[in-house]
Structures are given as structure tokens and as C-alpha cells.
Amino acid sequence: MTEKSKLLEIGKITSVFGLKGEFKVMPWCDTPELLCEFETLYWKSGTPVTVESARVQKNMVIMKIEGANTPEEAQKLRNRILYMNRDDVELEEGSYFIADLIGLDVVDTATGERYGRLTDVTETGANDVYHVTTDEGKLLLVPAIEQVIDEVDIEGGVMKITPLDGLFDI
């Protein structure tokens, strides 16, 4: 497993909002409210961005950052990605950053059989769905529920699962 990146993508600036340098951000985190909790975000380079204000509007965040005071200045930031520092968030027990799950080897708890590598996560609302790609390139979809996911070892690079009967049948 490679060393975890300190900075994680949290949202994308999509458009200008109003006349004061505000813009809309599409949140790439659990909720738009979470994005509003940060006082400091970052550009990919690691340069800190001071958040002056942030509020939820529908499923978007209206944000104002230091240094952007006009629509023209906000327009220059369009399509840029905002990052958070993983140290600024304390995860609940059993919760993980999606970025840390990608790349885990997925194995059967009982037999040790390797199913493949976790390559993506779809957030459905009810539960996440893990995309596991086999060595042959076949896609397996694994529900992220406690009846299936037995152990997640980020440091060891392994996720152990007990597939439900018929889960991988075609």
C-alpha cells in the first residue's frame, strides 16, 4: 500500500454565484454540510485556501474564499478542485475515506480466495457498493453492508468479505 495522501478531493467549483466573488461548489463528500465545516481548504499544490463563508443551497455549496471578491475573480477558479486535509476530519469507527479503500485486495474471509482489487465505490444512499475488478477484468459489485464486509485493513491493503449466497452468480 502506498502512503496515504494528506489531501483528499472534497469538491469542484462549478460556477460563479452573485456579485461578491462567491461560487458554487459540487461537494464530493458525504453531505454538503460537511464541506461547509472547513475554515481552510487547499488547492492540489497544497496551497491553503481560507474559506470566508460557506452555506448549503439545495445539493450545492455557495462558498466565498479569501482573495476572490468579484465575479471575474471567481470565474477564474471555475472547474478547479478543492481539497481537504485528512487530519482535519475525525472519522467514526468503521468509516473510511473512499480514497483509502481504492486499491485494497478483496479476499474471502473463510477461504482466503482473492476476488480482485477494489477499484471504485458507488454511493447509493442506502449503502455504498464496492466495485471489485478481477484479474481477468470482470467487475464484481459488493454491497458495503456488515453481513458482507468482515474486515477492512487499510494498512495491510486487504478487505475480507463473506459474499451472500448467489452474489457473484451470473
N, C-alpha and C. Protein backbone atom coordinates (compact mmCIF):
# COMPACT_ATOMS: atom_id res chain seq x y z
N MET A 1 0.85 -1.18 0.00
CA MET A 1 0.00 0.00 0.00
C MET A 1 0.89 1.24 0.00
N THR A 2 0.58 2.19 -0.85
CA THR A 2 1.36 3.42 -0.89
C THR A 2 0.95 4.32 0.27
N GLU A 3 1.80 5.28 0.56
CA GLU A 3 1.49 6.20 1.66
C GLU A 3 0.25 7.00 1.32
N LYS A 4 -0.61 7.19 2.30
CA LYS A 4 -1.85 7.92 2.07
C LYS A 4 -1.56 9.38 1.79
N SER A 5 -2.27 9.92 0.83
CA SER A 5 -2.17 11.34 0.53
C SER A 5 -2.82 12.12 1.67
N LYS A 6 -2.17 13.20 2.10
CA LYS A 6 -2.75 14.02 3.17
C LYS A 6 -3.96 14.80 2.66
N LEU A 7 -3.92 15.16 1.36
CA LEU A 7 -5.01 15.95 0.79
C LEU A 7 -5.94 15.05 -0.01
N LEU A 8 -7.24 15.24 0.23
CA LEU A 8 -8.27 14.45 -0.45
C LEU A 8 -9.24 15.40 -1.16
N GLU A 9 -9.64 15.04 -2.38
CA GLU A 9 -10.61 15.85 -3.11
C GLU A 9 -11.91 15.95 -2.32
N ILE A 10 -12.45 17.17 -2.24
CA ILE A 10 -13.70 17.33 -1.49
C ILE A 10 -14.78 18.02 -2.31
N GLY A 11 -14.42 18.67 -3.43
CA GLY A 11 -15.44 19.30 -4.25
C GLY A 11 -14.85 20.03 -5.43
N LYS A 12 -15.74 20.38 -6.36
CA LYS A 12 -15.32 21.07 -7.59
C LYS A 12 -16.10 22.37 -7.73
N ILE A 13 -15.38 23.45 -8.04
CA ILE A 13 -16.01 24.75 -8.27
C ILE A 13 -16.67 24.69 -9.65
N THR A 14 -17.99 24.93 -9.68
CA THR A 14 -18.71 24.74 -10.95
C THR A 14 -19.14 26.05 -11.61
N SER A 15 -19.46 27.08 -10.84
CA SER A 15 -19.93 28.32 -11.46
C SER A 15 -19.85 29.48 -10.48
N VAL A 16 -19.93 30.68 -11.03
CA VAL A 16 -19.94 31.91 -10.24
C VAL A 16 -21.35 32.08 -9.65
N PHE A 17 -21.41 32.68 -8.46
CA PHE A 17 -22.70 32.94 -7.82
C PHE A 17 -22.70 34.37 -7.31
N GLY A 18 -23.58 35.19 -7.85
CA GLY A 18 -23.72 36.57 -7.36
C GLY A 18 -22.58 37.48 -7.79
N LEU A 19 -22.47 38.61 -7.10
CA LEU A 19 -21.54 39.67 -7.50
C LEU A 19 -20.39 39.89 -6.53
N LYS A 20 -20.30 39.07 -5.48
CA LYS A 20 -19.29 39.32 -4.43
C LYS A 20 -18.12 38.35 -4.48
N GLY A 21 -17.97 37.60 -5.57
CA GLY A 21 -16.86 36.66 -5.67
C GLY A 21 -17.20 35.28 -5.16
N GLU A 22 -18.48 35.04 -4.88
CA GLU A 22 -18.88 33.70 -4.43
C GLU A 22 -18.98 32.77 -5.63
N PHE A 23 -18.93 31.47 -5.34
CA PHE A 23 -19.09 30.47 -6.40
C PHE A 23 -19.80 29.25 -5.84
N LYS A 24 -20.31 28.42 -6.76
CA LYS A 24 -20.95 27.17 -6.38
C LYS A 24 -19.92 26.06 -6.40
N VAL A 25 -20.02 25.19 -5.40
CA VAL A 25 -19.13 24.03 -5.32
C VAL A 25 -20.00 22.77 -5.29
N MET A 26 -19.68 21.82 -6.17
CA MET A 26 -20.32 20.50 -6.15
C MET A 26 -19.56 19.67 -5.11
N PRO A 27 -20.20 19.33 -3.97
CA PRO A 27 -19.48 18.58 -2.94
C PRO A 27 -19.21 17.14 -3.36
N TRP A 28 -18.02 16.67 -3.08
CA TRP A 28 -17.62 15.28 -3.32
C TRP A 28 -17.39 14.60 -1.97
N CYS A 29 -18.23 14.91 -1.01
CA CYS A 29 -18.12 14.32 0.32
C CYS A 29 -19.51 13.83 0.72
N ASP A 30 -19.63 13.27 1.91
CA ASP A 30 -20.89 12.67 2.33
C ASP A 30 -22.08 13.62 2.25
N THR A 31 -21.91 14.87 2.67
CA THR A 31 -23.01 15.83 2.65
C THR A 31 -22.46 17.22 2.32
N PRO A 32 -23.28 18.09 1.74
CA PRO A 32 -22.83 19.47 1.51
C PRO A 32 -22.50 20.16 2.83
N GLU A 33 -23.23 19.78 3.90
CA GLU A 33 -22.97 20.40 5.21
C GLU A 33 -21.54 20.15 5.68
N LEU A 34 -21.00 18.97 5.39
CA LEU A 34 -19.62 18.67 5.79
C LEU A 34 -18.65 19.64 5.13
N LEU A 35 -18.86 19.93 3.86
CA LEU A 35 -17.99 20.86 3.15
C LEU A 35 -18.01 22.25 3.79
N CYS A 36 -19.15 22.62 4.36
CA CYS A 36 -19.30 23.94 4.98
C CYS A 36 -18.57 24.06 6.31
N GLU A 37 -18.12 22.95 6.88
CA GLU A 37 -17.48 22.98 8.20
C GLU A 37 -16.02 23.42 8.16
N PHE A 38 -15.41 23.46 6.98
CA PHE A 38 -13.97 23.74 6.89
C PHE A 38 -13.69 25.24 6.86
N GLU A 39 -12.69 25.66 7.64
CA GLU A 39 -12.21 27.04 7.60
C GLU A 39 -11.09 27.17 6.59
N THR A 40 -10.38 26.05 6.35
CA THR A 40 -9.28 26.04 5.40
C THR A 40 -9.42 24.84 4.48
N LEU A 41 -9.34 25.09 3.19
CA LEU A 41 -9.26 24.03 2.19
C LEU A 41 -7.95 24.24 1.44
N TYR A 42 -7.70 23.46 0.42
CA TYR A 42 -6.41 23.51 -0.26
C TYR A 42 -6.59 23.34 -1.76
N TRP A 43 -5.63 23.90 -2.51
CA TRP A 43 -5.51 23.58 -3.92
C TRP A 43 -4.66 22.33 -4.03
N LYS A 44 -4.62 21.71 -5.18
CA LYS A 44 -3.86 20.47 -5.37
C LYS A 44 -2.39 20.65 -4.99
N SER A 45 -1.88 21.84 -5.21
CA SER A 45 -0.47 22.14 -4.91
C SER A 45 -0.17 22.11 -3.42
N GLY A 46 -1.24 22.12 -2.60
CA GLY A 46 -1.07 22.18 -1.14
C GLY A 46 -1.22 23.59 -0.60
N THR A 47 -1.41 24.57 -1.49
CA THR A 47 -1.60 25.95 -1.06
C THR A 47 -2.93 26.07 -0.31
N PRO A 48 -2.88 26.62 0.93
CA PRO A 48 -4.12 26.75 1.70
C PRO A 48 -5.05 27.81 1.11
N VAL A 49 -6.37 27.57 1.27
CA VAL A 49 -7.42 28.47 0.82
C VAL A 49 -8.27 28.78 2.06
N THR A 50 -8.36 30.06 2.42
CA THR A 50 -9.17 30.46 3.57
C THR A 50 -10.62 30.63 3.13
N VAL A 51 -11.50 29.89 3.78
CA VAL A 51 -12.93 29.96 3.48
C VAL A 51 -13.53 31.07 4.33
N GLU A 52 -14.07 32.10 3.66
CA GLU A 52 -14.69 33.20 4.39
C GLU A 52 -16.14 32.88 4.75
N SER A 53 -16.84 32.17 3.86
CA SER A 53 -18.21 31.76 4.15
C SER A 53 -18.57 30.57 3.27
N ALA A 54 -19.50 29.77 3.78
CA ALA A 54 -19.99 28.63 3.03
C ALA A 54 -21.38 28.30 3.56
N ARG A 55 -22.30 28.07 2.63
CA ARG A 55 -23.66 27.71 3.01
C ARG A 55 -24.22 26.74 1.97
N VAL A 56 -25.16 25.93 2.42
CA VAL A 56 -25.77 24.94 1.55
C VAL A 56 -26.93 25.58 0.79
N GLN A 57 -26.99 25.30 -0.51
CA GLN A 57 -28.14 25.68 -1.33
C GLN A 57 -28.50 24.46 -2.16
N LYS A 58 -29.61 23.82 -1.81
CA LYS A 58 -30.02 22.55 -2.40
C LYS A 58 -28.90 21.53 -2.17
N ASN A 59 -28.34 20.95 -3.23
CA ASN A 59 -27.27 19.96 -3.01
C ASN A 59 -25.89 20.55 -3.29
N MET A 60 -25.81 21.86 -3.41
CA MET A 60 -24.55 22.56 -3.69
C MET A 60 -24.14 23.38 -2.48
N VAL A 61 -22.90 23.88 -2.54
CA VAL A 61 -22.40 24.79 -1.51
C VAL A 61 -22.06 26.11 -2.18
N ILE A 62 -22.56 27.20 -1.61
CA ILE A 62 -22.18 28.54 -2.05
C ILE A 62 -21.03 28.96 -1.15
N MET A 63 -19.88 29.24 -1.77
CA MET A 63 -18.67 29.49 -0.99
C MET A 63 -18.01 30.80 -1.40
N LYS A 64 -17.40 31.45 -0.43
CA LYS A 64 -16.59 32.65 -0.65
C LYS A 64 -15.24 32.37 -0.03
N ILE A 65 -14.17 32.59 -0.81
CA ILE A 65 -12.83 32.39 -0.26
C ILE A 65 -12.06 33.71 -0.30
N GLU A 66 -11.06 33.78 0.55
CA GLU A 66 -10.21 34.96 0.62
C GLU A 66 -9.53 35.16 -0.73
N GLY A 67 -9.55 36.39 -1.24
CA GLY A 67 -8.86 36.69 -2.48
C GLY A 67 -9.75 36.70 -3.71
N ALA A 68 -10.97 36.22 -3.58
CA ALA A 68 -11.91 36.27 -4.70
C ALA A 68 -13.05 37.20 -4.29
N ASN A 69 -13.06 38.42 -4.83
CA ASN A 69 -14.03 39.43 -4.39
C ASN A 69 -14.94 39.92 -5.51
N THR A 70 -14.71 39.45 -6.73
CA THR A 70 -15.55 39.88 -7.85
C THR A 70 -15.97 38.64 -8.64
N PRO A 71 -17.01 38.78 -9.46
CA PRO A 71 -17.40 37.65 -10.31
C PRO A 71 -16.26 37.22 -11.25
N GLU A 72 -15.47 38.18 -11.70
CA GLU A 72 -14.36 37.87 -12.60
C GLU A 72 -13.30 37.02 -11.89
N GLU A 73 -13.00 37.36 -10.64
CA GLU A 73 -12.02 36.56 -9.88
C GLU A 73 -12.57 35.17 -9.59
N ALA A 74 -13.86 35.08 -9.28
CA ALA A 74 -14.49 33.78 -9.04
C ALA A 74 -14.50 32.95 -10.32
N GLN A 75 -14.74 33.58 -11.47
CA GLN A 75 -14.79 32.88 -12.75
C GLN A 75 -13.45 32.19 -13.06
N LYS A 76 -12.34 32.81 -12.67
CA LYS A 76 -11.01 32.23 -12.91
C LYS A 76 -10.82 30.91 -12.14
N LEU A 77 -11.62 30.70 -11.10
CA LEU A 77 -11.49 29.48 -10.28
C LEU A 77 -12.40 28.35 -10.77
N ARG A 78 -13.25 28.63 -11.75
CA ARG A 78 -14.19 27.63 -12.25
C ARG A 78 -13.47 26.37 -12.69
N ASN A 79 -14.05 25.22 -12.35
CA ASN A 79 -13.53 23.87 -12.68
C ASN A 79 -12.32 23.46 -11.86
N ARG A 80 -11.91 24.26 -10.89
CA ARG A 80 -10.81 23.85 -10.01
C ARG A 80 -11.36 22.93 -8.92
N ILE A 81 -10.50 22.05 -8.48
CA ILE A 81 -10.86 21.10 -7.43
C ILE A 81 -10.36 21.63 -6.09
N LEU A 82 -11.21 21.52 -5.07
CA LEU A 82 -10.82 21.87 -3.70
C LEU A 82 -10.48 20.58 -2.95
N TYR A 83 -9.51 20.68 -2.08
CA TYR A 83 -9.03 19.53 -1.30
C TYR A 83 -9.16 19.83 0.18
N MET A 84 -9.32 18.76 0.97
CA MET A 84 -9.30 18.87 2.43
C MET A 84 -8.09 18.12 2.95
N ASN A 85 -7.65 18.49 4.12
CA ASN A 85 -6.57 17.76 4.78
C ASN A 85 -7.22 16.66 5.62
N ARG A 86 -6.81 15.40 5.40
CA ARG A 86 -7.42 14.28 6.12
C ARG A 86 -7.29 14.45 7.64
N ASP A 87 -6.30 15.19 8.10
CA ASP A 87 -6.13 15.39 9.54
C ASP A 87 -7.20 16.31 10.14
N ASP A 88 -7.94 17.02 9.27
CA ASP A 88 -8.98 17.94 9.74
C ASP A 88 -10.31 17.24 10.02
N VAL A 89 -10.38 15.93 9.74
CA VAL A 89 -11.62 15.18 9.93
C VAL A 89 -11.35 13.96 10.79
N GLU A 90 -12.19 13.76 11.78
CA GLU A 90 -12.10 12.55 12.59
C GLU A 90 -13.22 11.61 12.16
N LEU A 91 -12.84 10.47 11.62
CA LEU A 91 -13.83 9.50 11.14
C LEU A 91 -14.37 8.67 12.29
N GLU A 92 -15.64 8.30 12.16
CA GLU A 92 -16.23 7.38 13.14
C GLU A 92 -15.60 6.00 12.96
N GLU A 93 -15.63 5.21 14.01
CA GLU A 93 -15.15 3.84 13.95
C GLU A 93 -15.86 3.10 12.82
N GLY A 94 -15.09 2.43 11.98
CA GLY A 94 -15.69 1.68 10.87
C GLY A 94 -15.96 2.51 9.63
N SER A 95 -15.59 3.80 9.66
CA SER A 95 -15.73 4.65 8.48
C SER A 95 -14.35 4.87 7.86
N TYR A 96 -14.34 5.05 6.55
CA TYR A 96 -13.07 5.19 5.83
C TYR A 96 -13.21 6.24 4.75
N PHE A 97 -12.10 6.83 4.38
CA PHE A 97 -12.08 7.69 3.20
C PHE A 97 -12.10 6.77 1.99
N ILE A 98 -12.93 7.09 1.00
CA ILE A 98 -13.01 6.27 -0.21
C ILE A 98 -11.63 6.13 -0.84
N ALA A 99 -10.85 7.19 -0.82
CA ALA A 99 -9.51 7.15 -1.43
C ALA A 99 -8.64 6.06 -0.79
N ASP A 100 -8.89 5.75 0.48
CA ASP A 100 -8.10 4.72 1.18
C ASP A 100 -8.58 3.31 0.83
N LEU A 101 -9.83 3.17 0.39
CA LEU A 101 -10.36 1.85 0.04
C LEU A 101 -9.91 1.42 -1.35
N ILE A 102 -9.76 2.40 -2.25
CA ILE A 102 -9.37 2.08 -3.62
C ILE A 102 -8.00 1.41 -3.61
N GLY A 103 -7.92 0.25 -4.28
CA GLY A 103 -6.66 -0.48 -4.36
C GLY A 103 -6.54 -1.64 -3.38
N LEU A 104 -7.49 -1.75 -2.44
CA LEU A 104 -7.43 -2.87 -1.50
C LEU A 104 -7.66 -4.19 -2.24
N ASP A 105 -6.93 -5.23 -1.83
CA ASP A 105 -7.21 -6.58 -2.30
C ASP A 105 -8.43 -7.08 -1.56
N VAL A 106 -9.37 -7.67 -2.29
CA VAL A 106 -10.61 -8.17 -1.68
C VAL A 106 -10.52 -9.70 -1.68
N VAL A 107 -10.59 -10.28 -0.45
CA VAL A 107 -10.43 -11.72 -0.30
C VAL A 107 -11.59 -12.31 0.50
N ASP A 108 -11.80 -13.61 0.31
CA ASP A 108 -12.84 -14.34 1.04
C ASP A 108 -12.34 -14.60 2.45
N THR A 109 -13.13 -14.25 3.45
CA THR A 109 -12.75 -14.43 4.86
C THR A 109 -12.50 -15.90 5.16
N ALA A 110 -13.38 -16.78 4.68
CA ALA A 110 -13.30 -18.21 5.03
C ALA A 110 -12.20 -18.94 4.27
N THR A 111 -12.08 -18.67 2.97
CA THR A 111 -11.16 -19.47 2.13
C THR A 111 -9.86 -18.78 1.80
N GLY A 112 -9.83 -17.45 1.93
CA GLY A 112 -8.63 -16.71 1.55
C GLY A 112 -8.55 -16.45 0.05
N GLU A 113 -9.56 -16.95 -0.70
CA GLU A 113 -9.57 -16.74 -2.16
C GLU A 113 -9.59 -15.24 -2.45
N ARG A 114 -8.75 -14.83 -3.40
CA ARG A 114 -8.69 -13.41 -3.80
C ARG A 114 -9.69 -13.17 -4.92
N TYR A 115 -10.62 -12.25 -4.70
CA TYR A 115 -11.61 -11.92 -5.72
C TYR A 115 -11.09 -10.88 -6.70
N GLY A 116 -10.29 -9.96 -6.22
CA GLY A 116 -9.76 -8.90 -7.08
C GLY A 116 -9.39 -7.69 -6.26
N ARG A 117 -9.36 -6.56 -6.94
CA ARG A 117 -8.95 -5.29 -6.31
C ARG A 117 -10.12 -4.32 -6.32
N LEU A 118 -10.31 -3.61 -5.21
CA LEU A 118 -11.36 -2.61 -5.12
C LEU A 118 -10.95 -1.42 -5.99
N THR A 119 -11.78 -1.12 -7.01
CA THR A 119 -11.40 -0.10 -7.98
C THR A 119 -12.29 1.14 -7.95
N ASP A 120 -13.47 1.04 -7.33
CA ASP A 120 -14.35 2.20 -7.28
C ASP A 120 -15.41 1.98 -6.21
N VAL A 121 -16.09 3.06 -5.82
CA VAL A 121 -17.17 2.99 -4.84
C VAL A 121 -18.32 3.82 -5.38
N THR A 122 -19.51 3.23 -5.39
CA THR A 122 -20.72 3.96 -5.75
C THR A 122 -21.51 4.20 -4.47
N GLU A 123 -21.87 5.47 -4.25
CA GLU A 123 -22.66 5.82 -3.08
C GLU A 123 -24.13 5.84 -3.50
N THR A 124 -24.93 4.91 -2.96
CA THR A 124 -26.32 4.77 -3.39
C THR A 124 -27.31 5.45 -2.45
N GLY A 125 -26.86 5.84 -1.29
CA GLY A 125 -27.77 6.41 -0.29
C GLY A 125 -28.10 5.37 0.76
N ALA A 126 -28.56 4.20 0.34
CA ALA A 126 -28.87 3.12 1.29
C ALA A 126 -27.56 2.56 1.83
N ASN A 127 -26.70 2.11 0.94
CA ASN A 127 -25.37 1.64 1.32
C ASN A 127 -24.45 1.82 0.13
N ASP A 128 -23.16 1.93 0.39
CA ASP A 128 -22.21 2.02 -0.70
C ASP A 128 -22.11 0.67 -1.40
N VAL A 129 -21.66 0.71 -2.65
CA VAL A 129 -21.41 -0.51 -3.41
C VAL A 129 -19.95 -0.46 -3.85
N TYR A 130 -19.19 -1.50 -3.49
CA TYR A 130 -17.78 -1.57 -3.85
C TYR A 130 -17.65 -2.26 -5.20
N HIS A 131 -16.86 -1.67 -6.09
CA HIS A 131 -16.57 -2.25 -7.39
C HIS A 131 -15.25 -3.01 -7.25
N VAL A 132 -15.30 -4.31 -7.47
CA VAL A 132 -14.10 -5.15 -7.37
C VAL A 132 -13.81 -5.68 -8.77
N THR A 133 -12.61 -5.40 -9.26
CA THR A 133 -12.21 -5.86 -10.58
C THR A 133 -11.30 -7.07 -10.43
N THR A 134 -11.71 -8.18 -11.07
CA THR A 134 -10.91 -9.41 -11.00
C THR A 134 -9.67 -9.26 -11.87
N ASP A 135 -8.73 -10.20 -11.72
CA ASP A 135 -7.52 -10.18 -12.54
C ASP A 135 -7.86 -10.35 -14.01
N GLU A 136 -9.01 -10.96 -14.30
CA GLU A 136 -9.45 -11.16 -15.69
C GLU A 136 -10.20 -9.93 -16.23
N GLY A 137 -10.39 -8.92 -15.38
CA GLY A 137 -11.06 -7.71 -15.82
C GLY A 137 -12.56 -7.70 -15.61
N LYS A 138 -13.10 -8.74 -14.98
CA LYS A 138 -14.54 -8.83 -14.71
C LYS A 138 -14.86 -7.93 -13.51
N LEU A 139 -16.03 -7.28 -13.56
CA LEU A 139 -16.46 -6.40 -12.47
C LEU A 139 -17.41 -7.14 -11.54
N LEU A 140 -17.08 -7.15 -10.26
CA LEU A 140 -17.95 -7.71 -9.22
C LEU A 140 -18.46 -6.55 -8.37
N LEU A 141 -19.75 -6.54 -8.06
CA LEU A 141 -20.32 -5.49 -7.23
C LEU A 141 -20.61 -6.06 -5.84
N VAL A 142 -20.06 -5.43 -4.83
CA VAL A 142 -20.16 -5.92 -3.46
C VAL A 142 -20.86 -4.87 -2.60
N PRO A 143 -22.01 -5.21 -1.99
CA PRO A 143 -22.67 -4.24 -1.12
C PRO A 143 -21.86 -4.02 0.16
N ALA A 144 -21.70 -2.76 0.52
CA ALA A 144 -20.94 -2.43 1.72
C ALA A 144 -21.87 -2.50 2.93
N ILE A 145 -22.20 -3.73 3.31
CA ILE A 145 -23.07 -3.97 4.46
C ILE A 145 -22.36 -4.90 5.42
N GLU A 146 -22.71 -4.83 6.69
CA GLU A 146 -21.96 -5.59 7.69
C GLU A 146 -22.10 -7.10 7.53
N GLN A 147 -23.15 -7.58 6.84
CA GLN A 147 -23.29 -9.02 6.61
C GLN A 147 -22.26 -9.51 5.59
N VAL A 148 -21.67 -8.61 4.81
CA VAL A 148 -20.72 -8.98 3.76
C VAL A 148 -19.28 -8.57 4.12
N ILE A 149 -19.11 -7.36 4.59
CA ILE A 149 -17.77 -6.83 4.88
C ILE A 149 -17.37 -7.26 6.30
N ASP A 150 -16.36 -8.13 6.37
CA ASP A 150 -15.93 -8.64 7.68
C ASP A 150 -14.80 -7.82 8.29
N GLU A 151 -13.87 -7.38 7.45
CA GLU A 151 -12.70 -6.67 7.97
C GLU A 151 -12.13 -5.77 6.90
N VAL A 152 -11.75 -4.57 7.30
CA VAL A 152 -11.07 -3.64 6.40
C VAL A 152 -9.74 -3.30 7.07
N ASP A 153 -8.65 -3.69 6.40
CA ASP A 153 -7.30 -3.44 6.91
C ASP A 153 -6.60 -2.50 5.93
N ILE A 154 -6.78 -1.21 6.16
CA ILE A 154 -6.20 -0.20 5.26
C ILE A 154 -4.68 -0.35 5.23
N GLU A 155 -4.06 -0.47 6.40
CA GLU A 155 -2.60 -0.57 6.47
C GLU A 155 -2.09 -1.83 5.76
N GLY A 156 -2.82 -2.94 5.91
CA GLY A 156 -2.42 -4.19 5.28
C GLY A 156 -2.85 -4.31 3.83
N GLY A 157 -3.71 -3.38 3.38
CA GLY A 157 -4.13 -3.38 1.99
C GLY A 157 -5.14 -4.46 1.64
N VAL A 158 -5.94 -4.91 2.64
CA VAL A 158 -6.85 -6.02 2.40
C VAL A 158 -8.24 -5.73 2.97
N MET A 159 -9.25 -6.18 2.22
CA MET A 159 -10.63 -6.19 2.71
C MET A 159 -11.09 -7.64 2.67
N LYS A 160 -11.60 -8.13 3.81
CA LYS A 160 -12.10 -9.50 3.88
C LYS A 160 -13.61 -9.48 3.84
N ILE A 161 -14.18 -10.35 2.98
CA ILE A 161 -15.63 -10.37 2.81
C ILE A 161 -16.18 -11.80 2.88
N THR A 162 -17.45 -11.89 3.21
CA THR A 162 -18.21 -13.15 3.11
C THR A 162 -19.36 -12.86 2.16
N PRO A 163 -19.22 -13.26 0.88
CA PRO A 163 -20.28 -12.96 -0.09
C PRO A 163 -21.60 -13.63 0.29
N LEU A 164 -22.70 -12.92 0.09
CA LEU A 164 -24.02 -13.52 0.28
C LEU A 164 -24.20 -14.61 -0.77
N ASP A 165 -24.99 -15.62 -0.48
CA ASP A 165 -25.25 -16.69 -1.43
C ASP A 165 -25.74 -16.09 -2.75
N GLY A 166 -25.09 -16.50 -3.83
CA GLY A 166 -25.50 -16.04 -5.16
C GLY A 166 -25.00 -14.68 -5.57
N LEU A 167 -24.22 -14.01 -4.71
CA LEU A 167 -23.78 -12.64 -5.00
C LEU A 167 -23.01 -12.56 -6.31
N PHE A 168 -22.12 -13.51 -6.57
CA PHE A 168 -21.28 -13.44 -7.76
C PHE A 168 -21.78 -14.36 -8.87
N ASP A 169 -22.98 -14.95 -8.71
CA ASP A 169 -23.54 -15.82 -9.76
C ASP A 169 -24.05 -14.97 -10.91
N ILE A 170 -23.92 -15.50 -12.11
CA ILE A 170 -24.42 -14.77 -13.27
C ILE A 170 -25.48 -15.59 -13.96
